[in-house]
Amino acid sequence: MKALKDRIIKDGRCFPGGILKVDNFINHQMDPILMKSMAVEFVRRFAGTKINKILTVEASGIAPAIMVGYLLELPVVFAKKRRPSTMENMLQTEVFSFTKNQTYTICVSKDYLQPGDSVLFIDDFLANGNAGKGIIDLVNQAGATLAGMGFLIEKEFQSGGAMLRQMGIHIESLAIIESLDNCIIRLKGVEPDGEGNNSNDVK
């Protein structure tokens, strides 16, 4: 998606260890116009797919998931990273966070993820696929069906995308990072300029 790729080139920042920071337009300060455009693209890419519920994980996936849910007029459920004292009939699983380097438990009420649901998972990043695996576990526990997964940004140099696709899951990523070596952001479909950096000439 050209608008997202252009914004990553303009405002994304790279840190050692394969970390891409997009906190000034996606996951801290948010650009609602870009968020809407990304949701429109997800709706286009999953057109014809049977979906009755949008699922995400708090917190960074909530904004794009809400936008997709709004456009499709479907409910949005987010898996919580801490079990509320009032939650009953809980489904839960463990997820390892690459960014925070820790394992946490995510949970969803059985009231909101049920047998017969056809779920589209939306999240900000696809890296090692740990959140995706956790969501698959929750969906399976509920007896629901995973219709597909949509990610704003995929780190192709990590294993998550290949793993999830090998499982036969319909994956759509709006921008794919080929490499962050030497803290240079290399985007798939974007030609590097003479200095090895990405240009805004998105093919």
C-alpha atoms as a PDB file:
ATOM      1  CA  MET A   1       0.000   0.000   0.000  1.00  0.00           C
ATOM      2  CA  LYS A   2       1.746   3.115  -1.271  1.00  0.00           C
ATOM      3  CA  ALA A   3       0.474   5.586   1.343  1.00  0.00           C
ATOM      4  CA  LEU A   4       1.715   3.403   4.203  1.00  0.00           C
ATOM      5  CA  LYS A   5       5.054   2.686   2.522  1.00  0.00           C
ATOM      6  CA  ASP A   6       5.604   6.383   1.890  1.00  0.00           C
ATOM      7  CA  ARG A   7       4.855   7.164   5.528  1.00  0.00           C
ATOM      8  CA  ILE A   8       7.246   4.490   6.782  1.00  0.00           C
ATOM      9  CA  ILE A   9       9.998   5.951   4.600  1.00  0.00           C
ATOM     10  CA  LYS A  10       9.220   9.485   5.794  1.00  0.00           C
ATOM     11  CA  ASP A  11       8.560   8.928   9.505  1.00  0.00           C
ATOM     12  CA  GLY A  12       9.638   5.390  10.434  1.00  0.00           C
ATOM     13  CA  ARG A  13      12.738   4.986  12.584  1.00  0.00           C
ATOM     14  CA  CYS A  14      14.955   1.937  12.889  1.00  0.00           C
ATOM     15  CA  PHE A  15      16.705   0.754  16.050  1.00  0.00           C
ATOM     16  CA  PRO A  16      19.295  -2.006  16.521  1.00  0.00           C
ATOM     17  CA  GLY A  17      17.880  -5.515  16.898  1.00  0.00           C
ATOM     18  CA  GLY A  18      15.384  -5.344  14.053  1.00  0.00           C
ATOM     19  CA  ILE A  19      13.066  -2.807  15.673  1.00  0.00           C
ATOM     20  CA  LEU A  20      11.028  -0.460  13.479  1.00  0.00           C
ATOM     21  CA  LYS A  21       9.439   2.427  15.336  1.00  0.00           C
ATOM     22  CA  VAL A  22       6.263   3.900  13.858  1.00  0.00           C
ATOM     23  CA  ASP A  23       4.940   5.484  17.020  1.00  0.00           C
ATOM     24  CA  ASN A  24       4.269   8.892  15.504  1.00  0.00           C
ATOM     25  CA  PHE A  25       1.559   7.631  13.134  1.00  0.00           C
ATOM     26  CA  ILE A  26       0.461   4.079  14.101  1.00  0.00           C
ATOM     27  CA  ASN A  27       0.956   2.899  17.663  1.00  0.00           C
ATOM     28  CA  HIS A  28       1.314   5.928  19.931  1.00  0.00           C
ATOM     29  CA  GLN A  29       0.287   9.022  18.050  1.00  0.00           C
ATOM     30  CA  MET A  30      -2.105   7.868  15.323  1.00  0.00           C
ATOM     31  CA  ASP A  31      -2.991   9.266  11.923  1.00  0.00           C
ATOM     32  CA  PRO A  32      -6.732   8.567  11.559  1.00  0.00           C
ATOM     33  CA  ILE A  33      -6.777   9.401   7.843  1.00  0.00           C
ATOM     34  CA  LEU A  34      -4.045   6.843   7.148  1.00  0.00           C
ATOM     35  CA  MET A  35      -5.755   4.392   9.510  1.00  0.00           C
ATOM     36  CA  LYS A  36      -8.994   4.694   7.542  1.00  0.00           C
ATOM     37  CA  SER A  37      -7.146   4.214   4.240  1.00  0.00           C
ATOM     38  CA  MET A  38      -5.490   1.058   5.566  1.00  0.00           C
ATOM     39  CA  ALA A  39      -8.851  -0.275   6.737  1.00  0.00           C
ATOM     40  CA  VAL A  40     -10.342   0.372   3.295  1.00  0.00           C
ATOM     41  CA  GLU A  41      -7.485  -1.643   1.783  1.00  0.00           C
ATOM     42  CA  PHE A  42      -8.101  -4.548   4.174  1.00  0.00           C
ATOM     43  CA  VAL A  43     -11.795  -4.525   3.254  1.00  0.00           C
ATOM     44  CA  ARG A  44     -10.810  -4.675  -0.423  1.00  0.00           C
ATOM     45  CA  ARG A  45      -8.324  -7.513   0.085  1.00  0.00           C
ATOM     46  CA  PHE A  46     -10.714  -9.644   2.143  1.00  0.00           C
ATOM     47  CA  ALA A  47     -13.745  -8.946  -0.059  1.00  0.00           C
ATOM     48  CA  GLY A  48     -15.796 -12.079  -0.534  1.00  0.00           C
ATOM     49  CA  THR A  49     -14.470 -13.655   2.673  1.00  0.00           C
ATOM     50  CA  LYS A  50     -17.114 -14.723   5.160  1.00  0.00           C
ATOM     51  CA  ILE A  51     -16.500 -12.668   8.311  1.00  0.00           C
ATOM     52  CA  ASN A  52     -18.795 -11.892  11.216  1.00  0.00           C
ATOM     53  CA  LYS A  53     -16.284 -10.610  13.782  1.00  0.00           C
ATOM     54  CA  ILE A  54     -12.999  -8.682  13.930  1.00  0.00           C
ATOM     55  CA  LEU A  55     -10.427  -9.821  16.489  1.00  0.00           C
ATOM     56  CA  THR A  56      -7.233  -8.125  17.669  1.00  0.00           C
ATOM     57  CA  VAL A  57      -4.876  -7.891  20.665  1.00  0.00           C
ATOM     58  CA  GLU A  58      -4.516  -4.832  22.845  1.00  0.00           C
ATOM     59  CA  ALA A  59      -3.286  -2.290  22.424  1.00  0.00           C
ATOM     60  CA  SER A  60      -1.805  -1.366  19.050  1.00  0.00           C
ATOM     61  CA  GLY A  61      -4.166  -3.512  17.010  1.00  0.00           C
ATOM     62  CA  ILE A  62      -7.298  -1.867  18.362  1.00  0.00           C
ATOM     63  CA  ALA A  63      -7.292   1.258  16.168  1.00  0.00           C
ATOM     64  CA  PRO A  64      -6.998  -0.512  12.775  1.00  0.00           C
ATOM     65  CA  ALA A  65      -9.394  -3.241  13.933  1.00  0.00           C
ATOM     66  CA  ILE A  66     -11.995  -0.651  14.928  1.00  0.00           C
ATOM     67  CA  MET A  67     -11.695   1.006  11.520  1.00  0.00           C
ATOM     68  CA  VAL A  68     -12.176  -2.323   9.722  1.00  0.00           C
ATOM     69  CA  GLY A  69     -15.096  -3.200  11.980  1.00  0.00           C
ATOM     70  CA  TYR A  70     -16.678   0.182  11.303  1.00  0.00           C
ATOM     71  CA  LEU A  71     -16.427  -0.221   7.535  1.00  0.00           C
ATOM     72  CA  LEU A  72     -17.764  -3.784   7.631  1.00  0.00           C
ATOM     73  CA  GLU A  73     -20.330  -2.946  10.341  1.00  0.00           C
ATOM     74  CA  LEU A  74     -19.084  -5.840  12.477  1.00  0.00           C
ATOM     75  CA  PRO A  75     -18.263  -6.151  16.189  1.00  0.00           C
ATOM     76  CA  VAL A  76     -14.623  -5.862  17.234  1.00  0.00           C
ATOM     77  CA  VAL A  77     -13.179  -7.961  20.063  1.00  0.00           C
ATOM     78  CA  PHE A  78      -9.729  -7.428  21.527  1.00  0.00           C
ATOM     79  CA  ALA A  79      -7.832 -10.020  23.516  1.00  0.00           C
ATOM     80  CA  LYS A  80      -6.775  -8.574  26.855  1.00  0.00           C
ATOM     81  CA  LYS A  81      -3.241  -8.876  28.168  1.00  0.00           C
ATOM     82  CA  ARG A  82      -4.395  -8.948  31.762  1.00  0.00           C
ATOM     83  CA  ARG A  83      -7.272 -10.985  33.102  1.00  0.00           C
ATOM     84  CA  PRO A  84     -10.007  -8.692  34.456  1.00  0.00           C
ATOM     85  CA  SER A  85     -11.356  -9.757  37.831  1.00  0.00           C
ATOM     86  CA  THR A  86     -14.869  -9.658  36.355  1.00  0.00           C
ATOM     87  CA  MET A  87     -14.147 -11.924  33.370  1.00  0.00           C
ATOM     88  CA  GLU A  88     -15.816 -15.324  33.468  1.00  0.00           C
ATOM     89  CA  ASN A  89     -15.876 -18.176  30.922  1.00  0.00           C
ATOM     90  CA  MET A  90     -12.418 -17.177  29.791  1.00  0.00           C
ATOM     91  CA  LEU A  91     -10.304 -18.490  26.935  1.00  0.00           C
ATOM     92  CA  GLN A  92      -6.600 -17.869  27.413  1.00  0.00           C
ATOM     93  CA  THR A  93      -3.207 -18.607  25.908  1.00  0.00           C
ATOM     94  CA  GLU A  94       0.393 -17.437  26.237  1.00  0.00           C
ATOM     95  CA  VAL A  95       2.174 -15.151  23.770  1.00  0.00           C
ATOM     96  CA  PHE A  96       5.821 -14.121  23.652  1.00  0.00           C
ATOM     97  CA  SER A  97       6.417 -10.471  22.771  1.00  0.00           C
ATOM     98  CA  PHE A  98       9.457  -9.883  20.543  1.00  0.00           C
ATOM     99  CA  THR A  99       9.476  -6.144  21.264  1.00  0.00           C
ATOM    100  CA  LYS A 100       9.156  -6.438  25.047  1.00  0.00           C
ATOM    101  CA  ASN A 101      11.057  -9.733  25.326  1.00  0.00           C
ATOM    102  CA  GLN A 102       8.532 -11.258  27.691  1.00  0.00           C
ATOM    103  CA  THR A 103       5.715 -13.794  27.745  1.00  0.00           C
ATOM    104  CA  TYR A 104       2.232 -12.677  28.675  1.00  0.00           C
ATOM    105  CA  THR A 105      -1.204 -14.259  28.863  1.00  0.00           C
ATOM    106  CA  ILE A 106      -3.937 -13.034  26.529  1.00  0.00           C
ATOM    107  CA  CYS A 107      -7.564 -13.797  27.205  1.00  0.00           C
ATOM    108  CA  VAL A 108     -10.997 -13.431  25.622  1.00  0.00           C
ATOM    109  CA  SER A 109     -14.408 -14.087  27.107  1.00  0.00           C
ATOM    110  CA  LYS A 110     -16.269 -17.044  25.634  1.00  0.00           C
ATOM    111  CA  ASP A 111     -19.243 -14.690  25.422  1.00  0.00           C
ATOM    112  CA  TYR A 112     -17.519 -12.789  22.602  1.00  0.00           C
ATOM    113  CA  LEU A 113     -15.680 -15.550  20.747  1.00  0.00           C
ATOM    114  CA  GLN A 114     -18.028 -18.424  20.067  1.00  0.00           C
ATOM    115  CA  PRO A 115     -18.509 -21.539  17.941  1.00  0.00           C
ATOM    116  CA  GLY A 116     -19.661 -20.528  14.474  1.00  0.00           C
ATOM    117  CA  ASP A 117     -17.816 -17.200  14.470  1.00  0.00           C
ATOM    118  CA  SER A 118     -15.768 -16.484  11.353  1.00  0.00           C
ATOM    119  CA  VAL A 119     -13.005 -14.205  12.559  1.00  0.00           C
ATOM    120  CA  LEU A 120     -10.688 -11.746  10.823  1.00  0.00           C
ATOM    121  CA  PHE A 121      -7.613 -10.939  12.911  1.00  0.00           C
ATOM    122  CA  ILE A 122      -6.113  -7.449  12.488  1.00  0.00           C
ATOM    123  CA  ASP A 123      -2.833  -6.296  14.052  1.00  0.00           C
ATOM    124  CA  ASP A 124      -0.108  -3.714  13.544  1.00  0.00           C
ATOM    125  CA  PHE A 125       2.984  -5.931  13.134  1.00  0.00           C
ATOM    126  CA  LEU A 126       3.781  -9.430  11.904  1.00  0.00           C
ATOM    127  CA  ALA A 127       7.284 -10.459  12.999  1.00  0.00           C
ATOM    128  CA  ASN A 128       7.818 -13.897  14.503  1.00  0.00           C
ATOM    129  CA  GLY A 129       4.102 -14.691  14.384  1.00  0.00           C
ATOM    130  CA  ASN A 130       3.701 -15.227  18.121  1.00  0.00           C
ATOM    131  CA  ALA A 131       0.559 -13.125  18.443  1.00  0.00           C
ATOM    132  CA  GLY A 132      -0.848 -14.917  15.411  1.00  0.00           C
ATOM    133  CA  LYS A 133      -0.193 -18.314  16.981  1.00  0.00           C
ATOM    134  CA  GLY A 134      -1.885 -17.159  20.165  1.00  0.00           C
ATOM    135  CA  ILE A 135      -4.936 -15.995  18.243  1.00  0.00           C
ATOM    136  CA  ILE A 136      -5.116 -19.312  16.381  1.00  0.00           C
ATOM    137  CA  ASP A 137      -5.130 -21.081  19.747  1.00  0.00           C
ATOM    138  CA  LEU A 138      -7.936 -18.881  21.091  1.00  0.00           C
ATOM    139  CA  VAL A 139     -10.013 -19.302  17.935  1.00  0.00           C
ATOM    140  CA  ASN A 140      -9.557 -23.081  18.068  1.00  0.00           C
ATOM    141  CA  GLN A 141     -10.466 -23.196  21.754  1.00  0.00           C
ATOM    142  CA  ALA A 142     -13.661 -21.292  20.969  1.00  0.00           C
ATOM    143  CA  GLY A 143     -14.615 -23.615  18.112  1.00  0.00           C
ATOM    144  CA  ALA A 144     -14.607 -20.621  15.768  1.00  0.00           C
ATOM    145  CA  THR A 145     -13.056 -20.278  12.293  1.00  0.00           C
ATOM    146  CA  LEU A 146     -10.129 -18.049  11.356  1.00  0.00           C
ATOM    147  CA  ALA A 147     -11.063 -16.330   8.086  1.00  0.00           C
ATOM    148  CA  GLY A 148      -7.765 -14.528   7.678  1.00  0.00           C
ATOM    149  CA  MET A 149      -5.166 -12.220   9.199  1.00  0.00           C
ATOM    150  CA  GLY A 150      -4.357  -8.668   8.184  1.00  0.00           C
ATOM    151  CA  PHE A 151      -1.221  -6.822   9.290  1.00  0.00           C
ATOM    152  CA  LEU A 152      -0.214  -3.233   8.708  1.00  0.00           C
ATOM    153  CA  ILE A 153       3.505  -4.063   8.572  1.00  0.00           C
ATOM    154  CA  GLU A 154       5.239  -7.407   8.077  1.00  0.00           C
ATOM    155  CA  LYS A 155       8.912  -8.026   8.793  1.00  0.00           C
ATOM    156  CA  GLU A 156       9.664 -10.506   6.037  1.00  0.00           C
ATOM    157  CA  PHE A 157      13.153 -11.206   7.409  1.00  0.00           C
ATOM    158  CA  GLN A 158      11.570 -12.828  10.452  1.00  0.00           C
ATOM    159  CA  SER A 159       9.780 -16.157  10.344  1.00  0.00           C
ATOM    160  CA  GLY A 160       6.182 -15.331  11.221  1.00  0.00           C
ATOM    161  CA  GLY A 161       4.778 -14.673   7.769  1.00  0.00           C
ATOM    162  CA  ALA A 162       6.194 -17.835   6.235  1.00  0.00           C
ATOM    163  CA  MET A 163       5.051 -19.938   9.191  1.00  0.00           C
ATOM    164  CA  LEU A 164       1.463 -18.662   9.124  1.00  0.00           C
ATOM    165  CA  ARG A 165       1.193 -18.976   5.343  1.00  0.00           C
ATOM    166  CA  GLN A 166       2.484 -22.556   5.522  1.00  0.00           C
ATOM    167  CA  MET A 167      -0.443 -23.236   7.856  1.00  0.00           C
ATOM    168  CA  GLY A 168      -2.760 -22.260   5.010  1.00  0.00           C
ATOM    169  CA  ILE A 169      -3.897 -18.984   6.559  1.00  0.00           C
ATOM    170  CA  HIS A 170      -4.914 -16.115   4.296  1.00  0.00           C
ATOM    171  CA  ILE A 171      -2.388 -13.405   5.214  1.00  0.00           C
ATOM    172  CA  GLU A 172      -2.490  -9.824   3.933  1.00  0.00           C
ATOM    173  CA  SER A 173       0.247  -7.335   4.861  1.00  0.00           C
ATOM    174  CA  LEU A 174       0.003  -3.730   3.679  1.00  0.00           C
ATOM    175  CA  ALA A 175       3.740  -3.032   3.841  1.00  0.00           C
ATOM    176  CA  ILE A 176       6.524  -5.620   3.894  1.00  0.00           C
ATOM    177  CA  ILE A 177       9.948  -4.856   5.361  1.00  0.00           C
ATOM    178  CA  GLU A 178      12.622  -6.881   3.591  1.00  0.00           C
ATOM    179  CA  SER A 179      15.471  -5.813   5.847  1.00  0.00           C
ATOM    180  CA  LEU A 180      16.454  -3.478   8.674  1.00  0.00           C
ATOM    181  CA  ASP A 181      20.154  -4.292   8.401  1.00  0.00           C
ATOM    182  CA  ASN A 182      22.441  -1.445   9.462  1.00  0.00           C
ATOM    183  CA  CYS A 183      19.276   0.407  10.520  1.00  0.00           C
ATOM    184  CA  ILE A 184      18.325   1.020   6.884  1.00  0.00           C
ATOM    185  CA  ILE A 185      14.639   0.409   6.173  1.00  0.00           C
ATOM    186  CA  ARG A 186      14.261  -1.649   3.000  1.00  0.00           C
ATOM    187  CA  LEU A 187      10.666  -2.051   1.849  1.00  0.00           C
ATOM    188  CA  LYS A 188       9.402  -4.608  -0.634  1.00  0.00           C
ATOM    189  CA  GLY A 189       8.312  -2.903  -3.822  1.00  0.00           C
ATOM    190  CA  VAL A 190      10.318   0.258  -3.126  1.00  0.00           C
ATOM    191  CA  GLU A 191      13.510   0.858  -5.069  1.00  0.00           C
ATOM    192  CA  PRO A 192      16.547   2.004  -3.049  1.00  0.00           C
ATOM    193  CA  ASP A 193      18.175   5.281  -3.992  1.00  0.00           C
ATOM    194  CA  GLY A 194      21.838   5.669  -4.805  1.00  0.00           C
ATOM    195  CA  GLU A 195      22.816   5.696  -1.133  1.00  0.00           C
ATOM    196  CA  GLY A 196      21.039   2.435  -0.354  1.00  0.00           C
ATOM    197  CA  ASN A 197      18.024   4.081   1.233  1.00  0.00           C
ATOM    198  CA  ASN A 198      14.460   3.615   0.053  1.00  0.00           C
ATOM    199  CA  SER A 199      13.118   6.273  -2.260  1.00  0.00           C
ATOM    200  CA  ASN A 200       9.481   7.268  -2.413  1.00  0.00           C
ATOM    201  CA  ASP A 201       9.170   5.732  -5.862  1.00  0.00           C
ATOM    202  CA  VAL A 202       6.943   2.824  -4.890  1.00  0.00           C
ATOM    203  CA  LYS A 203       6.559   0.337  -7.700  1.00  0.00           C
END
